[in-house]
Amino acid sequence: MQKCFGQGTVGLLTALAILPGLSGCNKTIDWLFDAPAQNESVLTSGKTEASVETAVPMSIAASPAAAAPVGKAADSGLTTESEIRSTLNAWRDAWAARDVDAYLAFYTPNFKGREVGPANWQASRKRVIAQAGKIELTLGEPQIVVDSLNQATVTFSQNYRSQIRSDKGIKKLQLRRSEGHWLIEEESFSPTKR
């Protein structure tokens, strides 16, 4: 005698997991496509995750996909944008404070800008920042596009002023996540016309 599950006794995930085993079952599975009212209240009533897990068998609840909370992908996108904003602010602060070592640490090791190599670019930046005197740097609201889990593009207005130079324009940064940190791998600046 085959055992069939009745309507309302298991959650949708359980039903999907046992569906292949239902061949030959005399009961219909119409209930599979309608979320049982009992399980709906568990999932939408704001109860803890432990309450939700009791509606799902342990083998399914233990899988990473089933264990991930609903909205995890959306939360990680917000977290990524928050991380990028923090990186951008720290980069700006290091540059404005003329903390060259901290400033250079925001770039990938192979970043070379318009120079022939990374060492040349780093030497050039050290020289320019040392000669700048006081730096005032204002960034506009960044537009962040997360291209993938480890890549993002950030575009913002930049207003730079030092004792030897001032400019305004649009800065575009290509960022890459490396060892948990967002680093600049490409940078471009388009001055605005005065």
N, C-alpha and C. Protein backbone atom coordinates (compact mmCIF):
# COMPACT_ATOMS: atom_id res chain seq x y z
N MET A 1 0.84 -1.17 0.00
CA MET A 1 0.00 0.00 0.00
C MET A 1 0.89 1.23 0.00
N GLN A 2 0.62 2.16 -0.93
CA GLN A 2 1.42 3.38 -1.00
C GLN A 2 0.81 4.43 -0.09
N LYS A 3 1.70 5.23 0.48
CA LYS A 3 1.25 6.29 1.36
C LYS A 3 1.26 7.59 0.58
N CYS A 4 0.14 8.31 0.55
CA CYS A 4 0.05 9.60 -0.13
C CYS A 4 -0.15 10.68 0.91
N PHE A 5 0.34 11.86 0.63
CA PHE A 5 0.19 12.97 1.56
C PHE A 5 -1.09 13.72 1.24
N GLY A 6 -1.81 14.11 2.25
CA GLY A 6 -3.06 14.84 2.06
C GLY A 6 -2.83 16.34 2.01
N GLN A 7 -3.86 17.06 1.56
CA GLN A 7 -3.80 18.51 1.43
C GLN A 7 -3.55 19.15 2.79
N GLY A 8 -2.62 20.12 2.83
CA GLY A 8 -2.39 20.88 4.05
C GLY A 8 -1.42 20.23 5.03
N THR A 9 -0.91 19.04 4.73
CA THR A 9 -0.03 18.38 5.69
C THR A 9 1.44 18.69 5.47
N VAL A 10 1.77 19.17 4.31
CA VAL A 10 3.16 19.51 4.03
C VAL A 10 3.22 20.82 3.26
N GLY A 11 4.37 21.49 3.32
CA GLY A 11 4.56 22.74 2.60
C GLY A 11 4.84 22.50 1.13
N LEU A 12 4.86 23.54 0.38
CA LEU A 12 5.09 23.46 -1.06
C LEU A 12 6.44 22.83 -1.36
N LEU A 13 7.47 23.17 -0.61
CA LEU A 13 8.79 22.59 -0.85
C LEU A 13 8.79 21.08 -0.65
N THR A 14 8.07 20.62 0.36
CA THR A 14 7.97 19.19 0.60
C THR A 14 7.27 18.52 -0.57
N ALA A 15 6.19 19.15 -1.03
CA ALA A 15 5.43 18.59 -2.15
C ALA A 15 6.31 18.46 -3.38
N LEU A 16 7.11 19.48 -3.66
CA LEU A 16 8.00 19.41 -4.81
C LEU A 16 9.04 18.31 -4.64
N ALA A 17 9.49 18.10 -3.42
CA ALA A 17 10.50 17.07 -3.16
C ALA A 17 9.93 15.67 -3.31
N ILE A 18 8.64 15.50 -2.98
CA ILE A 18 8.06 14.15 -3.03
C ILE A 18 7.30 13.88 -4.32
N LEU A 19 7.13 14.90 -5.16
CA LEU A 19 6.36 14.75 -6.39
C LEU A 19 6.78 13.54 -7.22
N PRO A 20 8.09 13.30 -7.43
CA PRO A 20 8.46 12.12 -8.22
C PRO A 20 7.99 10.81 -7.60
N GLY A 21 7.83 10.76 -6.29
CA GLY A 21 7.40 9.54 -5.61
C GLY A 21 5.91 9.33 -5.61
N LEU A 22 5.14 10.24 -6.21
CA LEU A 22 3.69 10.13 -6.19
C LEU A 22 3.11 9.30 -7.33
N SER A 23 3.93 8.81 -8.20
CA SER A 23 3.38 8.04 -9.31
C SER A 23 2.61 6.83 -8.77
N GLY A 24 1.45 6.63 -9.28
CA GLY A 24 0.61 5.52 -8.82
C GLY A 24 -0.26 5.89 -7.64
N CYS A 25 -0.18 7.07 -7.13
CA CYS A 25 -0.97 7.49 -5.99
C CYS A 25 -2.39 7.77 -6.49
N ASN A 26 -3.41 7.31 -5.76
CA ASN A 26 -4.79 7.47 -6.19
C ASN A 26 -5.35 8.85 -5.89
N LYS A 27 -4.74 9.60 -4.98
CA LYS A 27 -5.25 10.93 -4.65
C LYS A 27 -4.75 11.94 -5.66
N THR A 28 -5.54 12.97 -5.90
CA THR A 28 -5.10 14.01 -6.84
C THR A 28 -4.11 14.93 -6.13
N ILE A 29 -3.35 15.66 -6.94
CA ILE A 29 -2.37 16.57 -6.34
C ILE A 29 -2.72 18.02 -6.67
N ASP A 30 -4.00 18.31 -6.83
CA ASP A 30 -4.43 19.68 -7.10
C ASP A 30 -3.97 20.62 -6.00
N TRP A 31 -3.92 20.14 -4.77
CA TRP A 31 -3.52 20.97 -3.64
C TRP A 31 -2.09 21.48 -3.78
N LEU A 32 -1.27 20.80 -4.62
CA LEU A 32 0.12 21.19 -4.80
C LEU A 32 0.23 22.61 -5.37
N PHE A 33 -0.71 22.99 -6.21
CA PHE A 33 -0.62 24.28 -6.89
C PHE A 33 -1.36 25.38 -6.14
N ASP A 34 -2.03 25.05 -5.07
CA ASP A 34 -2.68 26.04 -4.22
C ASP A 34 -1.98 26.00 -2.88
N ALA A 35 -1.44 27.13 -2.44
CA ALA A 35 -0.75 27.17 -1.15
C ALA A 35 -1.77 26.94 -0.05
N PRO A 36 -1.58 25.93 0.79
CA PRO A 36 -2.52 25.66 1.89
C PRO A 36 -2.58 26.86 2.83
N ALA A 37 -3.78 27.20 3.27
CA ALA A 37 -3.98 28.35 4.15
C ALA A 37 -3.16 28.22 5.42
N GLN A 38 -3.03 27.02 5.95
CA GLN A 38 -2.28 26.81 7.19
C GLN A 38 -0.82 27.22 6.99
N ASN A 39 -0.20 26.83 5.90
CA ASN A 39 1.20 27.17 5.66
C ASN A 39 1.36 28.65 5.31
N GLU A 40 0.36 29.24 4.64
CA GLU A 40 0.45 30.66 4.32
C GLU A 40 0.56 31.48 5.58
N SER A 41 -0.23 31.15 6.59
CA SER A 41 -0.19 31.94 7.82
C SER A 41 1.16 31.81 8.50
N VAL A 42 1.78 30.65 8.41
CA VAL A 42 3.10 30.47 9.02
C VAL A 42 4.12 31.34 8.31
N LEU A 43 4.05 31.40 6.96
CA LEU A 43 5.06 32.12 6.20
C LEU A 43 4.85 33.64 6.22
N THR A 44 3.63 34.11 6.44
CA THR A 44 3.40 35.54 6.36
C THR A 44 3.05 36.18 7.70
N SER A 45 2.99 35.41 8.76
CA SER A 45 2.55 35.99 10.02
C SER A 45 3.67 36.66 10.80
N GLY A 46 4.90 36.61 10.29
CA GLY A 46 6.00 37.26 10.97
C GLY A 46 6.62 36.40 12.05
N LYS A 47 6.29 35.11 12.08
CA LYS A 47 6.88 34.22 13.08
C LYS A 47 8.34 34.01 12.76
N THR A 48 9.07 33.49 13.69
CA THR A 48 10.51 33.28 13.52
C THR A 48 10.79 32.22 12.48
N GLU A 49 12.03 32.17 12.03
CA GLU A 49 12.43 31.16 11.05
C GLU A 49 12.20 29.76 11.59
N ALA A 50 12.35 29.57 12.89
CA ALA A 50 12.14 28.25 13.47
C ALA A 50 10.71 27.78 13.20
N SER A 51 9.73 28.72 13.25
CA SER A 51 8.34 28.35 12.96
C SER A 51 8.20 27.90 11.53
N VAL A 52 8.87 28.59 10.62
CA VAL A 52 8.78 28.23 9.21
C VAL A 52 9.42 26.88 8.98
N GLU A 53 10.56 26.63 9.60
CA GLU A 53 11.25 25.37 9.38
C GLU A 53 10.44 24.17 9.85
N THR A 54 9.56 24.35 10.82
CA THR A 54 8.76 23.21 11.27
C THR A 54 7.79 22.77 10.19
N ALA A 55 7.47 23.64 9.23
CA ALA A 55 6.56 23.28 8.16
C ALA A 55 7.29 22.57 7.02
N VAL A 56 8.61 22.51 7.08
CA VAL A 56 9.41 21.93 6.01
C VAL A 56 10.23 20.78 6.60
N PRO A 57 10.28 19.63 5.96
CA PRO A 57 11.06 18.52 6.47
C PRO A 57 12.53 18.89 6.64
N MET A 58 13.22 18.26 7.55
CA MET A 58 14.60 18.58 7.86
C MET A 58 15.52 18.45 6.65
N SER A 59 15.30 17.47 5.78
CA SER A 59 16.19 17.30 4.64
C SER A 59 16.14 18.49 3.70
N ILE A 60 14.97 19.10 3.56
CA ILE A 60 14.84 20.27 2.69
C ILE A 60 15.30 21.51 3.44
N ALA A 61 14.91 21.65 4.70
CA ALA A 61 15.30 22.82 5.48
C ALA A 61 16.81 22.92 5.62
N ALA A 62 17.52 21.80 5.58
CA ALA A 62 18.96 21.81 5.75
C ALA A 62 19.69 22.24 4.49
N SER A 63 19.02 22.22 3.33
CA SER A 63 19.70 22.62 2.11
C SER A 63 19.95 24.12 2.11
N PRO A 64 21.08 24.59 1.56
CA PRO A 64 21.39 26.02 1.57
C PRO A 64 20.32 26.88 0.90
N ALA A 65 19.74 26.40 -0.18
CA ALA A 65 18.72 27.20 -0.88
C ALA A 65 17.49 27.38 -0.01
N ALA A 66 17.06 26.33 0.67
CA ALA A 66 15.87 26.43 1.51
C ALA A 66 16.16 27.20 2.79
N ALA A 67 17.39 27.15 3.29
CA ALA A 67 17.73 27.81 4.53
C ALA A 67 17.90 29.31 4.35
N ALA A 68 18.17 29.77 3.13
CA ALA A 68 18.38 31.20 2.89
C ALA A 68 17.07 31.95 3.10
N PRO A 69 17.09 33.03 3.87
CA PRO A 69 15.86 33.78 4.09
C PRO A 69 15.37 34.43 2.80
N VAL A 70 14.06 34.61 2.71
CA VAL A 70 13.48 35.28 1.55
C VAL A 70 14.01 36.71 1.54
N GLY A 71 14.36 37.20 0.35
CA GLY A 71 14.87 38.56 0.25
C GLY A 71 16.37 38.65 0.43
N LYS A 72 17.06 37.55 0.59
CA LYS A 72 18.51 37.55 0.79
C LYS A 72 19.22 38.23 -0.38
N ALA A 73 18.79 37.95 -1.60
CA ALA A 73 19.45 38.56 -2.76
C ALA A 73 19.28 40.08 -2.73
N ALA A 74 18.10 40.55 -2.39
CA ALA A 74 17.88 41.99 -2.32
C ALA A 74 18.72 42.61 -1.22
N ASP A 75 18.81 41.94 -0.07
CA ASP A 75 19.63 42.45 1.03
C ASP A 75 21.08 42.53 0.64
N SER A 76 21.60 41.52 -0.08
CA SER A 76 23.01 41.54 -0.46
C SER A 76 23.29 42.67 -1.44
N GLY A 77 22.32 43.01 -2.29
CA GLY A 77 22.49 44.15 -3.18
C GLY A 77 22.60 45.45 -2.41
N LEU A 78 21.78 45.60 -1.37
CA LEU A 78 21.85 46.79 -0.53
C LEU A 78 23.16 46.82 0.24
N THR A 79 23.59 45.66 0.71
CA THR A 79 24.86 45.57 1.43
C THR A 79 26.00 45.95 0.50
N THR A 80 25.99 45.46 -0.73
CA THR A 80 27.04 45.77 -1.70
C THR A 80 27.09 47.27 -1.95
N GLU A 81 25.94 47.91 -2.17
CA GLU A 81 25.93 49.36 -2.39
C GLU A 81 26.45 50.10 -1.18
N SER A 82 26.10 49.65 0.00
CA SER A 82 26.58 50.28 1.23
C SER A 82 28.10 50.14 1.34
N GLU A 83 28.62 48.96 1.02
CA GLU A 83 30.08 48.74 1.05
C GLU A 83 30.77 49.66 0.05
N ILE A 84 30.20 49.80 -1.14
CA ILE A 84 30.79 50.64 -2.17
C ILE A 84 30.78 52.11 -1.74
N ARG A 85 29.67 52.57 -1.15
CA ARG A 85 29.61 53.95 -0.66
C ARG A 85 30.66 54.19 0.42
N SER A 86 30.82 53.23 1.32
CA SER A 86 31.83 53.36 2.38
C SER A 86 33.23 53.42 1.78
N THR A 87 33.50 52.58 0.80
CA THR A 87 34.80 52.58 0.12
C THR A 87 35.04 53.92 -0.54
N LEU A 88 34.03 54.42 -1.24
CA LEU A 88 34.16 55.70 -1.94
C LEU A 88 34.46 56.84 -0.95
N ASN A 89 33.76 56.87 0.17
CA ASN A 89 33.98 57.91 1.18
C ASN A 89 35.38 57.80 1.80
N ALA A 90 35.82 56.59 2.07
CA ALA A 90 37.16 56.40 2.65
C ALA A 90 38.25 56.79 1.65
N TRP A 91 38.04 56.47 0.37
CA TRP A 91 38.98 56.86 -0.69
C TRP A 91 39.09 58.38 -0.76
N ARG A 92 37.92 59.05 -0.77
CA ARG A 92 37.89 60.51 -0.81
C ARG A 92 38.62 61.10 0.40
N ASP A 93 38.33 60.55 1.60
CA ASP A 93 38.95 61.06 2.82
C ASP A 93 40.46 60.89 2.81
N ALA A 94 40.93 59.74 2.35
CA ALA A 94 42.39 59.51 2.28
C ALA A 94 43.04 60.48 1.31
N TRP A 95 42.40 60.70 0.17
CA TRP A 95 42.94 61.62 -0.84
C TRP A 95 42.97 63.05 -0.28
N ALA A 96 41.85 63.51 0.29
CA ALA A 96 41.76 64.87 0.83
C ALA A 96 42.74 65.09 1.99
N ALA A 97 42.99 64.05 2.77
CA ALA A 97 43.93 64.14 3.90
C ALA A 97 45.38 64.00 3.45
N ARG A 98 45.58 63.71 2.16
CA ARG A 98 46.91 63.51 1.58
C ARG A 98 47.62 62.32 2.23
N ASP A 99 46.85 61.34 2.65
CA ASP A 99 47.40 60.09 3.18
C ASP A 99 47.65 59.17 1.98
N VAL A 100 48.82 59.33 1.38
CA VAL A 100 49.13 58.67 0.11
C VAL A 100 49.06 57.15 0.21
N ASP A 101 49.60 56.58 1.28
CA ASP A 101 49.58 55.11 1.41
C ASP A 101 48.15 54.59 1.47
N ALA A 102 47.30 55.25 2.26
CA ALA A 102 45.90 54.83 2.36
C ALA A 102 45.19 55.04 1.01
N TYR A 103 45.47 56.16 0.36
CA TYR A 103 44.87 56.46 -0.94
C TYR A 103 45.24 55.40 -1.97
N LEU A 104 46.52 55.06 -2.07
CA LEU A 104 46.97 54.07 -3.05
C LEU A 104 46.42 52.67 -2.76
N ALA A 105 46.12 52.39 -1.50
CA ALA A 105 45.59 51.08 -1.12
C ALA A 105 44.19 50.83 -1.69
N PHE A 106 43.53 51.87 -2.20
CA PHE A 106 42.19 51.71 -2.79
C PHE A 106 42.25 51.26 -4.25
N TYR A 107 43.45 51.10 -4.79
CA TYR A 107 43.62 50.70 -6.19
C TYR A 107 44.15 49.27 -6.26
N THR A 108 43.79 48.57 -7.34
CA THR A 108 44.33 47.22 -7.55
C THR A 108 45.84 47.32 -7.71
N PRO A 109 46.58 46.29 -7.34
CA PRO A 109 48.04 46.35 -7.44
C PRO A 109 48.56 46.62 -8.84
N ASN A 110 47.81 46.23 -9.87
CA ASN A 110 48.28 46.44 -11.25
C ASN A 110 47.71 47.70 -11.91
N PHE A 111 47.06 48.59 -11.12
CA PHE A 111 46.52 49.83 -11.67
C PHE A 111 47.66 50.72 -12.14
N LYS A 112 47.54 51.23 -13.36
CA LYS A 112 48.61 52.07 -13.90
C LYS A 112 48.12 53.39 -14.47
N GLY A 113 46.81 53.63 -14.43
CA GLY A 113 46.30 54.88 -14.97
C GLY A 113 46.77 55.08 -16.40
N ARG A 114 47.32 56.26 -16.69
CA ARG A 114 47.84 56.53 -18.03
C ARG A 114 49.36 56.35 -18.09
N GLU A 115 49.93 55.84 -17.04
CA GLU A 115 51.38 55.63 -16.99
C GLU A 115 51.74 54.29 -17.64
N VAL A 116 53.04 54.04 -17.81
CA VAL A 116 53.49 52.79 -18.45
C VAL A 116 53.39 51.59 -17.52
N GLY A 117 53.33 51.83 -16.22
CA GLY A 117 53.22 50.72 -15.29
C GLY A 117 52.77 51.19 -13.92
N PRO A 118 52.39 50.26 -13.05
CA PRO A 118 51.90 50.62 -11.71
C PRO A 118 52.91 51.43 -10.89
N ALA A 119 54.17 51.10 -10.95
CA ALA A 119 55.18 51.82 -10.16
C ALA A 119 55.26 53.28 -10.61
N ASN A 120 55.20 53.51 -11.91
CA ASN A 120 55.24 54.88 -12.44
C ASN A 120 54.02 55.67 -11.99
N TRP A 121 52.85 55.04 -12.06
CA TRP A 121 51.61 55.71 -11.65
C TRP A 121 51.67 56.06 -10.17
N GLN A 122 52.10 55.12 -9.33
CA GLN A 122 52.18 55.38 -7.89
C GLN A 122 53.16 56.51 -7.59
N ALA A 123 54.31 56.53 -8.24
CA ALA A 123 55.29 57.60 -8.03
C ALA A 123 54.71 58.95 -8.46
N SER A 124 53.99 58.97 -9.57
CA SER A 124 53.37 60.19 -10.06
C SER A 124 52.32 60.71 -9.07
N ARG A 125 51.48 59.82 -8.57
CA ARG A 125 50.45 60.22 -7.61
C ARG A 125 51.07 60.73 -6.31
N LYS A 126 52.12 60.07 -5.84
CA LYS A 126 52.80 60.54 -4.62
C LYS A 126 53.33 61.96 -4.82
N ARG A 127 53.94 62.21 -5.96
CA ARG A 127 54.51 63.52 -6.27
C ARG A 127 53.41 64.59 -6.34
N VAL A 128 52.33 64.31 -7.07
CA VAL A 128 51.24 65.27 -7.25
C VAL A 128 50.57 65.58 -5.91
N ILE A 129 50.29 64.57 -5.12
CA ILE A 129 49.61 64.78 -3.84
C ILE A 129 50.52 65.53 -2.87
N ALA A 130 51.82 65.25 -2.88
CA ALA A 130 52.76 65.95 -2.00
C ALA A 130 52.82 67.44 -2.34
N GLN A 131 52.72 67.79 -3.61
CA GLN A 131 52.82 69.18 -4.05
C GLN A 131 51.49 69.93 -3.93
N ALA A 132 50.40 69.23 -3.73
CA ALA A 132 49.07 69.84 -3.79
C ALA A 132 48.78 70.81 -2.66
N GLY A 133 49.39 70.63 -1.51
CA GLY A 133 48.99 71.44 -0.35
C GLY A 133 47.63 70.96 0.13
N LYS A 134 46.85 71.87 0.67
CA LYS A 134 45.52 71.51 1.16
C LYS A 134 44.64 71.09 -0.01
N ILE A 135 43.92 69.97 0.16
CA ILE A 135 43.02 69.46 -0.88
C ILE A 135 41.58 69.53 -0.37
N GLU A 136 40.73 70.14 -1.18
CA GLU A 136 39.29 70.13 -0.94
C GLU A 136 38.67 69.25 -2.02
N LEU A 137 37.92 68.25 -1.59
CA LEU A 137 37.37 67.29 -2.54
C LEU A 137 35.92 67.01 -2.19
N THR A 138 35.04 67.31 -3.13
CA THR A 138 33.61 67.06 -2.92
C THR A 138 33.13 66.11 -4.01
N LEU A 139 32.41 65.08 -3.58
CA LEU A 139 31.85 64.11 -4.52
C LEU A 139 30.33 64.23 -4.51
N GLY A 140 29.73 64.13 -5.69
CA GLY A 140 28.27 64.12 -5.79
C GLY A 140 27.71 62.75 -5.46
N GLU A 141 26.41 62.66 -5.46
CA GLU A 141 25.72 61.39 -5.18
C GLU A 141 26.14 60.35 -6.22
N PRO A 142 26.71 59.23 -5.77
CA PRO A 142 27.17 58.23 -6.74
C PRO A 142 26.02 57.43 -7.33
N GLN A 143 26.17 57.11 -8.60
CA GLN A 143 25.28 56.15 -9.26
C GLN A 143 26.05 54.84 -9.32
N ILE A 144 25.53 53.83 -8.66
CA ILE A 144 26.21 52.55 -8.53
C ILE A 144 25.50 51.50 -9.35
N VAL A 145 26.25 50.84 -10.21
CA VAL A 145 25.71 49.72 -10.98
C VAL A 145 26.56 48.51 -10.63
N VAL A 146 25.92 47.53 -9.99
CA VAL A 146 26.63 46.31 -9.62
C VAL A 146 26.56 45.40 -10.84
N ASP A 147 27.70 45.22 -11.49
CA ASP A 147 27.77 44.44 -12.73
C ASP A 147 27.74 42.94 -12.46
N SER A 148 28.34 42.52 -11.36
CA SER A 148 28.35 41.12 -10.96
C SER A 148 28.70 41.08 -9.48
N LEU A 149 28.84 39.88 -8.96
CA LEU A 149 29.15 39.74 -7.54
C LEU A 149 30.44 40.46 -7.17
N ASN A 150 31.40 40.51 -8.09
CA ASN A 150 32.70 41.10 -7.78
C ASN A 150 33.07 42.31 -8.63
N GLN A 151 32.12 42.88 -9.37
CA GLN A 151 32.41 44.03 -10.20
C GLN A 151 31.29 45.05 -10.10
N ALA A 152 31.68 46.33 -10.11
CA ALA A 152 30.69 47.41 -10.06
C ALA A 152 31.26 48.63 -10.78
N THR A 153 30.34 49.48 -11.23
CA THR A 153 30.70 50.74 -11.87
C THR A 153 30.07 51.86 -11.05
N VAL A 154 30.86 52.87 -10.73
CA VAL A 154 30.38 53.99 -9.94
C VAL A 154 30.66 55.28 -10.71
N THR A 155 29.64 56.11 -10.86
CA THR A 155 29.77 57.38 -11.56
C THR A 155 29.27 58.49 -10.64
N PHE A 156 30.01 59.59 -10.57
CA PHE A 156 29.64 60.70 -9.69
C PHE A 156 30.32 61.97 -10.15
N SER A 157 29.80 63.11 -9.71
CA SER A 157 30.47 64.37 -10.00
C SER A 157 31.58 64.56 -8.97
N GLN A 158 32.67 65.20 -9.41
CA GLN A 158 33.81 65.41 -8.53
C GLN A 158 34.25 66.87 -8.66
N ASN A 159 34.43 67.50 -7.52
CA ASN A 159 34.91 68.89 -7.48
C ASN A 159 36.20 68.87 -6.66
N TYR A 160 37.33 69.11 -7.32
CA TYR A 160 38.67 69.05 -6.71
C TYR A 160 39.29 70.44 -6.70
N ARG A 161 39.88 70.78 -5.57
CA ARG A 161 40.60 72.05 -5.48
C ARG A 161 41.82 71.88 -4.57
N SER A 162 42.96 72.30 -5.06
CA SER A 162 44.19 72.32 -4.26
C SER A 162 44.90 73.64 -4.53
N GLN A 163 46.08 73.81 -3.94
CA GLN A 163 46.84 75.05 -4.13
C GLN A 163 47.37 75.19 -5.56
N ILE A 164 47.51 74.05 -6.26
CA ILE A 164 48.08 74.13 -7.61
C ILE A 164 47.10 73.84 -8.74
N ARG A 165 45.91 73.34 -8.38
CA ARG A 165 44.98 72.94 -9.45
C ARG A 165 43.56 72.86 -8.92
N SER A 166 42.61 73.11 -9.82
CA SER A 166 41.21 72.86 -9.48
C SER A 166 40.49 72.39 -10.74
N ASP A 167 39.54 71.47 -10.54
CA ASP A 167 38.73 71.01 -11.66
C ASP A 167 37.42 70.42 -11.17
N LYS A 168 36.46 70.41 -12.08
CA LYS A 168 35.14 69.82 -11.84
C LYS A 168 34.86 68.89 -13.00
N GLY A 169 34.15 67.83 -12.70
CA GLY A 169 33.79 66.93 -13.79
C GLY A 169 33.10 65.68 -13.29
N ILE A 170 33.04 64.71 -14.18
CA ILE A 170 32.41 63.43 -13.88
C ILE A 170 33.50 62.36 -13.79
N LYS A 171 33.50 61.66 -12.68
CA LYS A 171 34.46 60.57 -12.45
C LYS A 171 33.72 59.26 -12.58
N LYS A 172 34.37 58.31 -13.22
CA LYS A 172 33.81 56.97 -13.38
C LYS A 172 34.86 55.98 -12.89
N LEU A 173 34.46 55.12 -11.97
CA LEU A 173 35.35 54.11 -11.41
C LEU A 173 34.81 52.72 -11.72
N GLN A 174 35.68 51.85 -12.18
CA GLN A 174 35.36 50.42 -12.30
C GLN A 174 35.96 49.77 -11.06
N LEU A 175 35.12 49.13 -10.28
CA LEU A 175 35.57 48.50 -9.03
C LEU A 175 35.56 46.99 -9.16
N ARG A 176 36.48 46.37 -8.45
CA ARG A 176 36.54 44.91 -8.37
C ARG A 176 36.69 44.53 -6.90
N ARG A 177 35.88 43.55 -6.48
CA ARG A 177 35.99 43.05 -5.10
C ARG A 177 37.15 42.05 -5.06
N SER A 178 38.06 42.30 -4.15
CA SER A 178 39.22 41.42 -3.99
C SER A 178 39.45 41.19 -2.50
N GLU A 179 39.39 39.95 -2.10
CA GLU A 179 39.58 39.57 -0.69
C GLU A 179 38.67 40.37 0.24
N GLY A 180 37.42 40.55 -0.20
CA GLY A 180 36.42 41.21 0.63
C GLY A 180 36.44 42.73 0.57
N HIS A 181 37.31 43.33 -0.26
CA HIS A 181 37.41 44.79 -0.36
C HIS A 181 37.18 45.23 -1.79
N TRP A 182 36.51 46.37 -1.95
CA TRP A 182 36.31 46.95 -3.27
C TRP A 182 37.52 47.79 -3.62
N LEU A 183 38.14 47.51 -4.77
CA LEU A 183 39.33 48.23 -5.23
C LEU A 183 39.06 48.83 -6.61
N ILE A 184 39.72 49.94 -6.90
CA ILE A 184 39.57 50.61 -8.18
C ILE A 184 40.49 49.94 -9.19
N GLU A 185 39.91 49.45 -10.30
CA GLU A 185 40.75 48.84 -11.34
C GLU A 185 40.82 49.70 -12.59
N GLU A 186 39.85 50.60 -12.76
CA GLU A 186 39.89 51.56 -13.87
C GLU A 186 39.28 52.87 -13.37
N GLU A 187 39.79 53.97 -13.90
CA GLU A 187 39.33 55.29 -13.47
C GLU A 187 39.35 56.23 -14.67
N SER A 188 38.28 57.01 -14.83
CA SER A 188 38.28 58.02 -15.89
C SER A 188 37.64 59.29 -15.35
N PHE A 189 38.06 60.42 -15.90
CA PHE A 189 37.54 61.71 -15.48
C PHE A 189 37.26 62.56 -16.72
N SER A 190 36.04 63.12 -16.79
CA SER A 190 35.66 63.99 -17.88
C SER A 190 35.37 65.37 -17.31
N PRO A 191 36.26 66.35 -17.55
CA PRO A 191 36.03 67.69 -17.00
C PRO A 191 34.77 68.33 -17.61
N THR A 192 34.08 69.10 -16.79
CA THR A 192 32.93 69.84 -17.31
C THR A 192 33.43 71.17 -17.85
N LYS A 193 32.74 71.66 -18.85
CA LYS A 193 33.14 72.95 -19.46
C LYS A 193 32.73 74.08 -18.53
N ARG A 194 33.58 75.07 -18.46
CA ARG A 194 33.31 76.20 -17.57
C ARG A 194 32.68 77.34 -18.32
